[in-house]
Amino acid sequence: MKFTIDVLGIFLKVVVRVNKVTFAPLVVSTLFILLTSLLAHCARRLVQKTIKEPFIRLLLEEAIAAAELCGCCFELIIVADNFGVATYAIYLFALTIWWSLNWGDATACPYTHIEDIIEGRGDIRKAFIKTWAELAGGILVFKYVQMYWALEISETHKNKAFEDCTADLQVPALYGAIVEGVATCLCRLASRSLSDLNPRYSTAIDSFIGTSLVVAGVLTRHTVLTYRYEDSSANPDLSVSVYCKVHVGKAFDYSGGYFNPVLATSLKAGCDGHTLMEHAMVYWLGACAGSVLSVYLYKLPVIQKYVRGTTEVNGDSIWADKED
């Protein structure tokens, strides 16, 4: 307890001092993210040293991981809104690497437990309990974030602590669920491939893919792909014309692109713009359906052939079992 109080005291002195410089708001956000990560790391080490029962220890680690994830992402919203998507992407990339290296068996993501059930590595009861632990950590951490924002150390935090939030869902719930499901499926397919291939920089690659999926829609927001087909049949009485227009980045404007039910619930449940039923359909049903789909898609021969074939490539390689 004394250690935590000392850390908080030093932290507040630092942020008050740096708040006077030009880039103070970004420094304040950075220090808050670092503090959150430090406190979560200390809590995790304490649990590992004091809790002997494996399942109880894992439950606490899941709660801590979810709290760290959601606490940092609350501040990342501030970073994205005030310093742009590029800065947000750099921070998210670095954080996902940190989380991969420090969370151990914790995932802070409910659909990974569903995947374990499908593949025979877990049971429903334990999956349900771990999901509740993650929800508890993700929801309770907002009080910690709110306490910090209420200090209004930076202009970017002004009136943030108690303002009404707005949902990111901009389309009917079914469309939003499809967006979350497809993106989650792609993300899980990439993670499974990296896990099997075990490349030398797998953590960084996985973090890059996850970050890219989150920010891709924003970076391509104004990109439009078009396709036109004209039938060249000689029969003048029968002709076919097809025109397709796709707004590439709009999908991520539709739902927000969370790809994690606990994260979406912590940041957006109860916000104006959607009901709790719509929220559950998009961010829970959609994401979990995409995750389950990835399990079966990954077993398809075409994907397995690609994964196995990739490991046979020689030459300059990032794979762990190859020599450069």
C-alpha atoms as a PDB file:
ATOM      1  CA  MET A   1       0.000   0.000   0.000  1.00  0.00           C
ATOM      2  CA  LYS A   2       2.798   2.408   0.921  1.00  0.00           C
ATOM      3  CA  PHE A   3       4.559   1.617  -2.360  1.00  0.00           C
ATOM      4  CA  THR A   4       1.393   2.431  -4.323  1.00  0.00           C
ATOM      5  CA  ILE A   5       0.906   5.740  -2.492  1.00  0.00           C
ATOM      6  CA  ASP A   6       4.541   6.716  -3.104  1.00  0.00           C
ATOM      7  CA  VAL A   7       4.231   5.887  -6.801  1.00  0.00           C
ATOM      8  CA  LEU A   8       1.038   7.928  -7.119  1.00  0.00           C
ATOM      9  CA  GLY A   9       2.642  10.851  -5.301  1.00  0.00           C
ATOM     10  CA  ILE A  10       5.695  10.871  -7.550  1.00  0.00           C
ATOM     11  CA  PHE A  11       3.481  10.462 -10.599  1.00  0.00           C
ATOM     12  CA  LEU A  12       1.332  13.490  -9.727  1.00  0.00           C
ATOM     13  CA  LYS A  13       4.420  15.644  -9.106  1.00  0.00           C
ATOM     14  CA  VAL A  14       5.825  14.672 -12.487  1.00  0.00           C
ATOM     15  CA  VAL A  15       2.647  15.341 -14.466  1.00  0.00           C
ATOM     16  CA  VAL A  16       2.118  18.710 -12.786  1.00  0.00           C
ATOM     17  CA  ARG A  17       5.675  19.699 -13.712  1.00  0.00           C
ATOM     18  CA  VAL A  18       5.576  18.499 -17.325  1.00  0.00           C
ATOM     19  CA  ASN A  19       2.170  20.033 -17.872  1.00  0.00           C
ATOM     20  CA  LYS A  20       3.911  23.358 -18.440  1.00  0.00           C
ATOM     21  CA  VAL A  21       5.722  22.261 -21.596  1.00  0.00           C
ATOM     22  CA  THR A  22       4.455  22.322 -25.178  1.00  0.00           C
ATOM     23  CA  PHE A  23       3.512  18.664 -25.568  1.00  0.00           C
ATOM     24  CA  ALA A  24       2.288  18.285 -22.006  1.00  0.00           C
ATOM     25  CA  PRO A  25      -1.108  16.682 -22.822  1.00  0.00           C
ATOM     26  CA  LEU A  26       0.564  13.815 -24.689  1.00  0.00           C
ATOM     27  CA  VAL A  27       3.134  13.416 -21.910  1.00  0.00           C
ATOM     28  CA  VAL A  28       0.355  13.330 -19.320  1.00  0.00           C
ATOM     29  CA  SER A  29      -1.478  10.626 -21.292  1.00  0.00           C
ATOM     30  CA  THR A  30       1.760   8.665 -21.709  1.00  0.00           C
ATOM     31  CA  LEU A  31       2.525   8.816 -17.997  1.00  0.00           C
ATOM     32  CA  PHE A  32      -0.984   7.675 -17.142  1.00  0.00           C
ATOM     33  CA  ILE A  33      -0.635   4.665 -19.455  1.00  0.00           C
ATOM     34  CA  LEU A  34       2.753   3.870 -17.923  1.00  0.00           C
ATOM     35  CA  LEU A  35       1.341   4.175 -14.413  1.00  0.00           C
ATOM     36  CA  THR A  36      -1.580   1.889 -15.280  1.00  0.00           C
ATOM     37  CA  SER A  37       0.780  -0.698 -16.742  1.00  0.00           C
ATOM     38  CA  LEU A  38       3.089  -0.456 -13.720  1.00  0.00           C
ATOM     39  CA  LEU A  39       0.281  -0.906 -11.202  1.00  0.00           C
ATOM     40  CA  ALA A  40      -1.106  -3.867 -13.167  1.00  0.00           C
ATOM     41  CA  HIS A  41       2.357  -5.429 -13.344  1.00  0.00           C
ATOM     42  CA  CYS A  42       2.846  -5.069  -9.576  1.00  0.00           C
ATOM     43  CA  ALA A  43      -0.614  -6.502  -8.898  1.00  0.00           C
ATOM     44  CA  ARG A  44       0.129  -9.418 -11.204  1.00  0.00           C
ATOM     45  CA  ARG A  45       3.422 -10.197  -9.470  1.00  0.00           C
ATOM     46  CA  LEU A  46       1.734  -9.996  -6.072  1.00  0.00           C
ATOM     47  CA  VAL A  47      -0.949 -12.477  -7.159  1.00  0.00           C
ATOM     48  CA  GLN A  48       1.652 -14.857  -8.572  1.00  0.00           C
ATOM     49  CA  LYS A  49       3.592 -14.850  -5.315  1.00  0.00           C
ATOM     50  CA  THR A  50       0.697 -15.085  -2.862  1.00  0.00           C
ATOM     51  CA  ILE A  51      -2.017 -17.185  -4.569  1.00  0.00           C
ATOM     52  CA  LYS A  52      -1.137 -20.858  -4.807  1.00  0.00           C
ATOM     53  CA  GLU A  53      -4.334 -22.318  -6.282  1.00  0.00           C
ATOM     54  CA  PRO A  54      -3.842 -22.194 -10.093  1.00  0.00           C
ATOM     55  CA  PHE A  55      -7.422 -21.454 -11.136  1.00  0.00           C
ATOM     56  CA  ILE A  56      -7.941 -18.689  -8.561  1.00  0.00           C
ATOM     57  CA  ARG A  57      -4.616 -17.176  -9.604  1.00  0.00           C
ATOM     58  CA  LEU A  58      -5.684 -17.261 -13.257  1.00  0.00           C
ATOM     59  CA  LEU A  59      -9.006 -15.589 -12.427  1.00  0.00           C
ATOM     60  CA  LEU A  60      -7.226 -12.721 -10.698  1.00  0.00           C
ATOM     61  CA  GLU A  61      -4.751 -12.441 -13.564  1.00  0.00           C
ATOM     62  CA  GLU A  62      -7.652 -12.231 -16.026  1.00  0.00           C
ATOM     63  CA  ALA A  63      -9.261  -9.456 -13.982  1.00  0.00           C
ATOM     64  CA  ILE A  64      -5.959  -7.552 -13.783  1.00  0.00           C
ATOM     65  CA  ALA A  65      -5.307  -7.982 -17.517  1.00  0.00           C
ATOM     66  CA  ALA A  66      -8.810  -6.752 -18.390  1.00  0.00           C
ATOM     67  CA  ALA A  67      -8.419  -3.758 -16.072  1.00  0.00           C
ATOM     68  CA  GLU A  68      -5.050  -2.903 -17.628  1.00  0.00           C
ATOM     69  CA  LEU A  69      -6.410  -3.294 -21.162  1.00  0.00           C
ATOM     70  CA  CYS A  70      -9.488  -1.149 -20.590  1.00  0.00           C
ATOM     71  CA  GLY A  71      -7.700   1.447 -18.456  1.00  0.00           C
ATOM     72  CA  CYS A  72      -5.081   2.016 -21.142  1.00  0.00           C
ATOM     73  CA  CYS A  73      -7.668   2.056 -23.925  1.00  0.00           C
ATOM     74  CA  PHE A  74      -9.707   4.733 -22.168  1.00  0.00           C
ATOM     75  CA  GLU A  75      -6.628   6.945 -22.372  1.00  0.00           C
ATOM     76  CA  LEU A  76      -5.879   5.836 -25.935  1.00  0.00           C
ATOM     77  CA  ILE A  77      -9.214   7.361 -26.929  1.00  0.00           C
ATOM     78  CA  ILE A  78      -7.864  10.689 -25.647  1.00  0.00           C
ATOM     79  CA  VAL A  79      -4.664  10.148 -27.618  1.00  0.00           C
ATOM     80  CA  ALA A  80      -6.530   9.330 -30.854  1.00  0.00           C
ATOM     81  CA  ASP A  81      -8.922  12.267 -30.543  1.00  0.00           C
ATOM     82  CA  ASN A  82      -6.202  14.834 -29.875  1.00  0.00           C
ATOM     83  CA  PHE A  83      -3.014  13.566 -31.503  1.00  0.00           C
ATOM     84  CA  GLY A  84      -4.217  11.572 -34.488  1.00  0.00           C
ATOM     85  CA  VAL A  85      -4.466   7.987 -35.618  1.00  0.00           C
ATOM     86  CA  ALA A  86      -0.737   7.589 -36.283  1.00  0.00           C
ATOM     87  CA  THR A  87       0.147   8.390 -32.668  1.00  0.00           C
ATOM     88  CA  TYR A  88      -2.653   6.123 -31.465  1.00  0.00           C
ATOM     89  CA  ALA A  89      -1.352   3.284 -33.642  1.00  0.00           C
ATOM     90  CA  ILE A  90       2.198   3.604 -32.268  1.00  0.00           C
ATOM     91  CA  TYR A  91       0.939   3.496 -28.688  1.00  0.00           C
ATOM     92  CA  LEU A  92      -1.389   0.559 -29.364  1.00  0.00           C
ATOM     93  CA  PHE A  93       1.371  -1.383 -31.127  1.00  0.00           C
ATOM     94  CA  ALA A  94       3.757  -0.910 -28.193  1.00  0.00           C
ATOM     95  CA  LEU A  95       1.077  -1.822 -25.662  1.00  0.00           C
ATOM     96  CA  THR A  96       0.041  -5.014 -27.439  1.00  0.00           C
ATOM     97  CA  ILE A  97       3.660  -6.169 -27.404  1.00  0.00           C
ATOM     98  CA  TRP A  98       3.870  -5.383 -23.678  1.00  0.00           C
ATOM     99  CA  TRP A  99       0.644  -7.263 -22.974  1.00  0.00           C
ATOM    100  CA  SER A 100       1.771 -10.287 -24.974  1.00  0.00           C
ATOM    101  CA  LEU A 101       5.000 -10.490 -22.995  1.00  0.00           C
ATOM    102  CA  ASN A 102       3.496  -9.948 -19.537  1.00  0.00           C
ATOM    103  CA  TRP A 103       0.003 -11.422 -19.365  1.00  0.00           C
ATOM    104  CA  GLY A 104       1.046 -15.057 -19.349  1.00  0.00           C
ATOM    105  CA  ASP A 105      -2.008 -17.324 -19.682  1.00  0.00           C
ATOM    106  CA  ALA A 106      -4.472 -14.453 -19.239  1.00  0.00           C
ATOM    107  CA  THR A 107      -6.193 -13.153 -22.369  1.00  0.00           C
ATOM    108  CA  ALA A 108      -8.753 -10.560 -21.136  1.00  0.00           C
ATOM    109  CA  CYS A 109     -10.955 -11.773 -23.988  1.00  0.00           C
ATOM    110  CA  PRO A 110     -13.969 -14.086 -23.565  1.00  0.00           C
ATOM    111  CA  TYR A 111     -14.047 -15.695 -26.986  1.00  0.00           C
ATOM    112  CA  THR A 112     -10.650 -17.333 -26.425  1.00  0.00           C
ATOM    113  CA  HIS A 113     -12.347 -19.444 -23.754  1.00  0.00           C
ATOM    114  CA  ILE A 114     -15.031 -20.463 -26.256  1.00  0.00           C
ATOM    115  CA  GLU A 115     -12.278 -21.558 -28.632  1.00  0.00           C
ATOM    116  CA  ASP A 116     -10.777 -23.649 -25.826  1.00  0.00           C
ATOM    117  CA  ILE A 117     -14.142 -25.362 -25.293  1.00  0.00           C
ATOM    118  CA  ILE A 118     -14.493 -26.182 -28.998  1.00  0.00           C
ATOM    119  CA  GLU A 119     -10.987 -27.608 -29.139  1.00  0.00           C
ATOM    120  CA  GLY A 120     -11.387 -29.599 -25.922  1.00  0.00           C
ATOM    121  CA  ARG A 121      -8.977 -27.565 -23.788  1.00  0.00           C
ATOM    122  CA  GLY A 122     -11.563 -26.088 -21.415  1.00  0.00           C
ATOM    123  CA  ASP A 123     -15.046 -26.448 -19.972  1.00  0.00           C
ATOM    124  CA  ILE A 124     -18.097 -24.216 -19.934  1.00  0.00           C
ATOM    125  CA  ARG A 125     -18.118 -23.563 -16.179  1.00  0.00           C
ATOM    126  CA  LYS A 126     -14.546 -22.299 -16.059  1.00  0.00           C
ATOM    127  CA  ALA A 127     -15.040 -20.256 -19.225  1.00  0.00           C
ATOM    128  CA  PHE A 128     -18.072 -18.564 -17.678  1.00  0.00           C
ATOM    129  CA  ILE A 129     -16.231 -17.752 -14.443  1.00  0.00           C
ATOM    130  CA  LYS A 130     -13.193 -16.366 -16.309  1.00  0.00           C
ATOM    131  CA  THR A 131     -15.481 -14.174 -18.407  1.00  0.00           C
ATOM    132  CA  TRP A 132     -17.057 -12.727 -15.265  1.00  0.00           C
ATOM    133  CA  ALA A 133     -13.596 -12.031 -13.823  1.00  0.00           C
ATOM    134  CA  GLU A 134     -12.655 -10.163 -16.998  1.00  0.00           C
ATOM    135  CA  LEU A 135     -15.892  -8.172 -16.949  1.00  0.00           C
ATOM    136  CA  ALA A 136     -15.324  -7.219 -13.317  1.00  0.00           C
ATOM    137  CA  GLY A 137     -11.822  -5.937 -14.048  1.00  0.00           C
ATOM    138  CA  GLY A 138     -12.895  -4.083 -17.188  1.00  0.00           C
ATOM    139  CA  ILE A 139     -15.871  -2.352 -15.573  1.00  0.00           C
ATOM    140  CA  LEU A 140     -14.335  -1.487 -12.189  1.00  0.00           C
ATOM    141  CA  VAL A 141     -11.265   0.140 -13.729  1.00  0.00           C
ATOM    142  CA  PHE A 142     -13.378   3.040 -14.988  1.00  0.00           C
ATOM    143  CA  LYS A 143     -13.551   4.426 -11.438  1.00  0.00           C
ATOM    144  CA  TYR A 144      -9.762   4.597 -11.434  1.00  0.00           C
ATOM    145  CA  VAL A 145      -9.763   6.328 -14.843  1.00  0.00           C
ATOM    146  CA  GLN A 146     -12.533   8.688 -13.786  1.00  0.00           C
ATOM    147  CA  MET A 147     -10.606   9.687 -10.655  1.00  0.00           C
ATOM    148  CA  TYR A 148      -7.599  10.610 -12.778  1.00  0.00           C
ATOM    149  CA  TRP A 149      -9.590  12.468 -15.424  1.00  0.00           C
ATOM    150  CA  ALA A 150     -11.402  14.447 -12.713  1.00  0.00           C
ATOM    151  CA  LEU A 151      -8.070  16.026 -11.742  1.00  0.00           C
ATOM    152  CA  GLU A 152      -8.043  17.699 -15.179  1.00  0.00           C
ATOM    153  CA  ILE A 153      -4.259  17.918 -15.156  1.00  0.00           C
ATOM    154  CA  SER A 154      -4.351  18.311 -18.932  1.00  0.00           C
ATOM    155  CA  GLU A 155      -6.701  20.243 -21.204  1.00  0.00           C
ATOM    156  CA  THR A 156      -7.468  17.027 -23.028  1.00  0.00           C
ATOM    157  CA  HIS A 157      -9.059  15.645 -19.834  1.00  0.00           C
ATOM    158  CA  LYS A 158     -11.281  18.652 -19.201  1.00  0.00           C
ATOM    159  CA  ASN A 159     -14.916  17.592 -18.592  1.00  0.00           C
ATOM    160  CA  LYS A 160     -14.091  14.017 -19.591  1.00  0.00           C
ATOM    161  CA  ALA A 161     -14.680  12.376 -16.215  1.00  0.00           C
ATOM    162  CA  PHE A 162     -18.431  12.871 -16.118  1.00  0.00           C
ATOM    163  CA  GLU A 163     -19.459  13.587 -19.711  1.00  0.00           C
ATOM    164  CA  ASP A 164     -22.052  11.432 -21.468  1.00  0.00           C
ATOM    165  CA  CYS A 165     -20.564   8.893 -23.853  1.00  0.00           C
ATOM    166  CA  THR A 166     -21.783   8.189 -27.372  1.00  0.00           C
ATOM    167  CA  ALA A 167     -21.908   4.747 -28.966  1.00  0.00           C
ATOM    168  CA  ASP A 168     -19.749   4.016 -32.006  1.00  0.00           C
ATOM    169  CA  LEU A 169     -22.468   1.886 -33.610  1.00  0.00           C
ATOM    170  CA  GLN A 170     -23.708   3.882 -36.597  1.00  0.00           C
ATOM    171  CA  VAL A 171     -25.646   1.196 -38.479  1.00  0.00           C
ATOM    172  CA  PRO A 172     -28.256  -1.466 -37.690  1.00  0.00           C
ATOM    173  CA  ALA A 173     -27.018  -3.990 -35.162  1.00  0.00           C
ATOM    174  CA  LEU A 174     -26.894  -6.828 -37.691  1.00  0.00           C
ATOM    175  CA  TYR A 175     -24.455  -4.939 -39.928  1.00  0.00           C
ATOM    176  CA  GLY A 176     -22.326  -3.977 -36.941  1.00  0.00           C
ATOM    177  CA  ALA A 177     -22.223  -7.599 -35.787  1.00  0.00           C
ATOM    178  CA  ILE A 178     -21.034  -8.697 -39.233  1.00  0.00           C
ATOM    179  CA  VAL A 179     -18.243  -6.095 -39.171  1.00  0.00           C
ATOM    180  CA  GLU A 180     -17.049  -7.141 -35.724  1.00  0.00           C
ATOM    181  CA  GLY A 181     -17.364 -10.826 -36.614  1.00  0.00           C
ATOM    182  CA  VAL A 182     -15.401 -10.650 -39.870  1.00  0.00           C
ATOM    183  CA  ALA A 183     -12.609  -8.539 -38.376  1.00  0.00           C
ATOM    184  CA  THR A 184     -12.373 -10.772 -35.299  1.00  0.00           C
ATOM    185  CA  CYS A 185     -12.213 -13.830 -37.529  1.00  0.00           C
ATOM    186  CA  LEU A 186      -9.332 -12.350 -39.539  1.00  0.00           C
ATOM    187  CA  CYS A 187      -7.485 -11.374 -36.379  1.00  0.00           C
ATOM    188  CA  ARG A 188      -7.826 -14.853 -34.868  1.00  0.00           C
ATOM    189  CA  LEU A 189      -6.770 -16.555 -38.103  1.00  0.00           C
ATOM    190  CA  ALA A 190      -3.617 -14.446 -38.119  1.00  0.00           C
ATOM    191  CA  SER A 191      -2.887 -15.242 -34.463  1.00  0.00           C
ATOM    192  CA  ARG A 192      -3.374 -18.972 -35.021  1.00  0.00           C
ATOM    193  CA  SER A 193      -1.110 -18.939 -38.046  1.00  0.00           C
ATOM    194  CA  LEU A 194       1.634 -17.131 -36.147  1.00  0.00           C
ATOM    195  CA  SER A 195       1.275 -19.521 -33.230  1.00  0.00           C
ATOM    196  CA  ASP A 196       1.830 -22.525 -35.512  1.00  0.00           C
ATOM    197  CA  LEU A 197       4.516 -20.961 -37.677  1.00  0.00           C
ATOM    198  CA  ASN A 198       6.391 -19.512 -34.695  1.00  0.00           C
ATOM    199  CA  PRO A 199       8.327 -16.843 -36.604  1.00  0.00           C
ATOM    200  CA  ARG A 200      11.240 -15.119 -34.945  1.00  0.00           C
ATOM    201  CA  TYR A 201       9.311 -11.897 -34.336  1.00  0.00           C
ATOM    202  CA  SER A 202       5.874 -13.432 -33.841  1.00  0.00           C
ATOM    203  CA  THR A 203       4.864 -11.089 -31.003  1.00  0.00           C
ATOM    204  CA  ALA A 204       5.686  -7.988 -33.012  1.00  0.00           C
ATOM    205  CA  ILE A 205       4.020  -9.370 -36.138  1.00  0.00           C
ATOM    206  CA  ASP A 206       0.866 -10.300 -34.254  1.00  0.00           C
ATOM    207  CA  SER A 207       0.781  -6.845 -32.633  1.00  0.00           C
ATOM    208  CA  PHE A 208       1.247  -5.195 -36.019  1.00  0.00           C
ATOM    209  CA  ILE A 209      -1.617  -7.189 -37.556  1.00  0.00           C
ATOM    210  CA  GLY A 210      -3.939  -6.430 -34.646  1.00  0.00           C
ATOM    211  CA  THR A 211      -3.076  -2.724 -34.725  1.00  0.00           C
ATOM    212  CA  SER A 212      -3.496  -2.621 -38.507  1.00  0.00           C
ATOM    213  CA  LEU A 213      -6.980  -4.126 -38.313  1.00  0.00           C
ATOM    214  CA  VAL A 214      -8.013  -1.541 -35.728  1.00  0.00           C
ATOM    215  CA  VAL A 215      -6.733   1.508 -37.616  1.00  0.00           C
ATOM    216  CA  ALA A 216      -7.167   0.288 -41.220  1.00  0.00           C
ATOM    217  CA  GLY A 217     -10.665   1.672 -41.498  1.00  0.00           C
ATOM    218  CA  VAL A 218      -9.598   5.113 -40.321  1.00  0.00           C
ATOM    219  CA  LEU A 219      -6.607   5.285 -42.663  1.00  0.00           C
ATOM    220  CA  THR A 220      -8.736   4.220 -45.659  1.00  0.00           C
ATOM    221  CA  ARG A 221     -11.832   6.127 -44.608  1.00  0.00           C
ATOM    222  CA  HIS A 222     -12.140   8.019 -47.897  1.00  0.00           C
ATOM    223  CA  THR A 223     -10.999   5.166 -50.152  1.00  0.00           C
ATOM    224  CA  VAL A 224     -13.651   3.855 -52.536  1.00  0.00           C
ATOM    225  CA  LEU A 225     -13.229   0.695 -54.638  1.00  0.00           C
ATOM    226  CA  THR A 226     -15.409   0.266 -57.704  1.00  0.00           C
ATOM    227  CA  TYR A 227     -16.058  -2.660 -60.029  1.00  0.00           C
ATOM    228  CA  ARG A 228     -18.031  -2.575 -63.259  1.00  0.00           C
ATOM    229  CA  TYR A 229     -19.019  -5.533 -65.467  1.00  0.00           C
ATOM    230  CA  GLU A 230     -20.628  -5.167 -68.889  1.00  0.00           C
ATOM    231  CA  ASP A 231     -21.961  -8.217 -70.764  1.00  0.00           C
ATOM    232  CA  SER A 232     -20.551  -8.361 -74.275  1.00  0.00           C
ATOM    233  CA  SER A 233     -23.113 -10.883 -75.509  1.00  0.00           C
ATOM    234  CA  ALA A 234     -24.053 -10.689 -79.150  1.00  0.00           C
ATOM    235  CA  ASN A 235     -27.735 -11.095 -78.284  1.00  0.00           C
ATOM    236  CA  PRO A 236     -29.210  -7.567 -78.318  1.00  0.00           C
ATOM    237  CA  ASP A 237     -32.254  -8.670 -76.302  1.00  0.00           C
ATOM    238  CA  LEU A 238     -30.198  -9.856 -73.335  1.00  0.00           C
ATOM    239  CA  SER A 239     -27.550  -7.759 -71.633  1.00  0.00           C
ATOM    240  CA  VAL A 240     -26.160  -7.686 -68.107  1.00  0.00           C
ATOM    241  CA  SER A 241     -24.496  -4.781 -66.342  1.00  0.00           C
ATOM    242  CA  VAL A 242     -23.101  -4.903 -62.801  1.00  0.00           C
ATOM    243  CA  TYR A 243     -21.686  -1.961 -60.873  1.00  0.00           C
ATOM    244  CA  CYS A 244     -20.291  -2.356 -57.354  1.00  0.00           C
ATOM    245  CA  LYS A 245     -19.026   0.461 -55.137  1.00  0.00           C
ATOM    246  CA  VAL A 246     -17.385  -0.262 -51.762  1.00  0.00           C
ATOM    247  CA  HIS A 247     -16.348   2.321 -49.165  1.00  0.00           C
ATOM    248  CA  VAL A 248     -13.297   0.555 -47.723  1.00  0.00           C
ATOM    249  CA  GLY A 249     -12.952   2.430 -44.461  1.00  0.00           C
ATOM    250  CA  LYS A 250     -16.632   2.773 -43.679  1.00  0.00           C
ATOM    251  CA  ALA A 251     -16.905  -0.603 -41.986  1.00  0.00           C
ATOM    252  CA  PHE A 252     -14.841   0.564 -39.044  1.00  0.00           C
ATOM    253  CA  ASP A 253     -16.910   3.734 -38.777  1.00  0.00           C
ATOM    254  CA  TYR A 254     -19.932   1.463 -38.469  1.00  0.00           C
ATOM    255  CA  SER A 255     -19.077  -0.320 -35.192  1.00  0.00           C
ATOM    256  CA  GLY A 256     -15.830   1.105 -33.802  1.00  0.00           C
ATOM    257  CA  GLY A 257     -13.789  -2.043 -34.382  1.00  0.00           C
ATOM    258  CA  TYR A 258     -13.249  -3.329 -30.833  1.00  0.00           C
ATOM    259  CA  PHE A 259     -12.876  -7.074 -31.546  1.00  0.00           C
ATOM    260  CA  ASN A 260     -13.080  -7.785 -27.811  1.00  0.00           C
ATOM    261  CA  PRO A 261     -16.417  -8.011 -25.950  1.00  0.00           C
ATOM    262  CA  VAL A 262     -14.968  -7.001 -22.561  1.00  0.00           C
ATOM    263  CA  LEU A 263     -13.208  -3.963 -24.018  1.00  0.00           C
ATOM    264  CA  ALA A 264     -16.349  -2.859 -25.867  1.00  0.00           C
ATOM    265  CA  THR A 265     -18.479  -3.317 -22.753  1.00  0.00           C
ATOM    266  CA  SER A 266     -16.094  -1.356 -20.549  1.00  0.00           C
ATOM    267  CA  LEU A 267     -15.811   1.552 -22.988  1.00  0.00           C
ATOM    268  CA  LYS A 268     -19.257   1.720 -24.591  1.00  0.00           C
ATOM    269  CA  ALA A 269     -21.963  -0.262 -22.736  1.00  0.00           C
ATOM    270  CA  GLY A 270     -24.778   2.049 -21.703  1.00  0.00           C
ATOM    271  CA  CYS A 271     -23.701   4.886 -24.004  1.00  0.00           C
ATOM    272  CA  ASP A 272     -26.241   6.885 -25.997  1.00  0.00           C
ATOM    273  CA  GLY A 273     -26.888   5.506 -29.453  1.00  0.00           C
ATOM    274  CA  HIS A 274     -27.637   1.826 -28.881  1.00  0.00           C
ATOM    275  CA  THR A 275     -29.529  -0.391 -26.455  1.00  0.00           C
ATOM    276  CA  LEU A 276     -27.885  -3.038 -24.303  1.00  0.00           C
ATOM    277  CA  MET A 277     -29.453  -5.700 -26.530  1.00  0.00           C
ATOM    278  CA  GLU A 278     -27.893  -4.141 -29.631  1.00  0.00           C
ATOM    279  CA  HIS A 279     -24.581  -3.824 -27.804  1.00  0.00           C
ATOM    280  CA  ALA A 280     -24.649  -7.510 -26.894  1.00  0.00           C
ATOM    281  CA  MET A 281     -25.544  -8.507 -30.444  1.00  0.00           C
ATOM    282  CA  VAL A 282     -22.740  -6.510 -32.057  1.00  0.00           C
ATOM    283  CA  TYR A 283     -19.853  -6.789 -29.614  1.00  0.00           C
ATOM    284  CA  TRP A 284     -20.574 -10.126 -27.955  1.00  0.00           C
ATOM    285  CA  LEU A 285     -22.471 -12.257 -30.468  1.00  0.00           C
ATOM    286  CA  GLY A 286     -20.693 -10.791 -33.491  1.00  0.00           C
ATOM    287  CA  ALA A 287     -17.163 -11.078 -32.113  1.00  0.00           C
ATOM    288  CA  CYS A 288     -17.715 -14.541 -30.609  1.00  0.00           C
ATOM    289  CA  ALA A 289     -19.261 -15.807 -33.859  1.00  0.00           C
ATOM    290  CA  GLY A 290     -16.213 -14.561 -35.766  1.00  0.00           C
ATOM    291  CA  SER A 291     -13.913 -16.282 -33.304  1.00  0.00           C
ATOM    292  CA  VAL A 292     -15.774 -19.587 -33.559  1.00  0.00           C
ATOM    293  CA  LEU A 293     -15.760 -19.335 -37.348  1.00  0.00           C
ATOM    294  CA  SER A 294     -11.984 -18.865 -37.312  1.00  0.00           C
ATOM    295  CA  VAL A 295     -11.564 -22.193 -35.495  1.00  0.00           C
ATOM    296  CA  TYR A 296     -13.258 -24.102 -38.319  1.00  0.00           C
ATOM    297  CA  LEU A 297     -11.827 -22.012 -41.149  1.00  0.00           C
ATOM    298  CA  TYR A 298      -8.315 -22.602 -39.883  1.00  0.00           C
ATOM    299  CA  LYS A 299      -8.834 -26.357 -40.231  1.00  0.00           C
ATOM    300  CA  LEU A 300      -9.677 -26.081 -43.923  1.00  0.00           C
ATOM    301  CA  PRO A 301      -7.147 -27.872 -46.161  1.00  0.00           C
ATOM    302  CA  VAL A 302      -6.432 -24.752 -48.218  1.00  0.00           C
ATOM    303  CA  ILE A 303      -5.392 -22.774 -45.143  1.00  0.00           C
ATOM    304  CA  GLN A 304      -3.455 -25.656 -43.621  1.00  0.00           C
ATOM    305  CA  LYS A 305      -1.647 -26.164 -46.920  1.00  0.00           C
ATOM    306  CA  TYR A 306      -0.699 -22.496 -46.988  1.00  0.00           C
ATOM    307  CA  VAL A 307       0.555 -22.531 -43.399  1.00  0.00           C
ATOM    308  CA  ARG A 308       2.585 -25.699 -43.878  1.00  0.00           C
ATOM    309  CA  GLY A 309       3.897 -24.492 -47.217  1.00  0.00           C
ATOM    310  CA  THR A 310       5.076 -21.179 -45.800  1.00  0.00           C
ATOM    311  CA  THR A 311       7.436 -22.888 -43.390  1.00  0.00           C
ATOM    312  CA  GLU A 312       9.208 -24.550 -46.317  1.00  0.00           C
ATOM    313  CA  VAL A 313      10.360 -21.258 -47.847  1.00  0.00           C
ATOM    314  CA  ASN A 314      14.141 -20.908 -47.834  1.00  0.00           C
ATOM    315  CA  GLY A 315      16.374 -17.863 -48.061  1.00  0.00           C
ATOM    316  CA  ASP A 316      16.189 -14.664 -46.059  1.00  0.00           C
ATOM    317  CA  SER A 317      13.597 -15.643 -43.476  1.00  0.00           C
ATOM    318  CA  ILE A 318      11.957 -14.408 -40.300  1.00  0.00           C
ATOM    319  CA  TRP A 319      10.941 -17.941 -39.293  1.00  0.00           C
ATOM    320  CA  ALA A 320      12.444 -19.244 -36.093  1.00  0.00           C
ATOM    321  CA  ASP A 321      13.721 -22.508 -37.586  1.00  0.00           C
ATOM    322  CA  LYS A 322      15.455 -20.944 -40.566  1.00  0.00           C
ATOM    323  CA  GLU A 323      18.906 -19.467 -40.934  1.00  0.00           C
ATOM    324  CA  ASP A 324      19.286 -16.062 -42.540  1.00  0.00           C
END
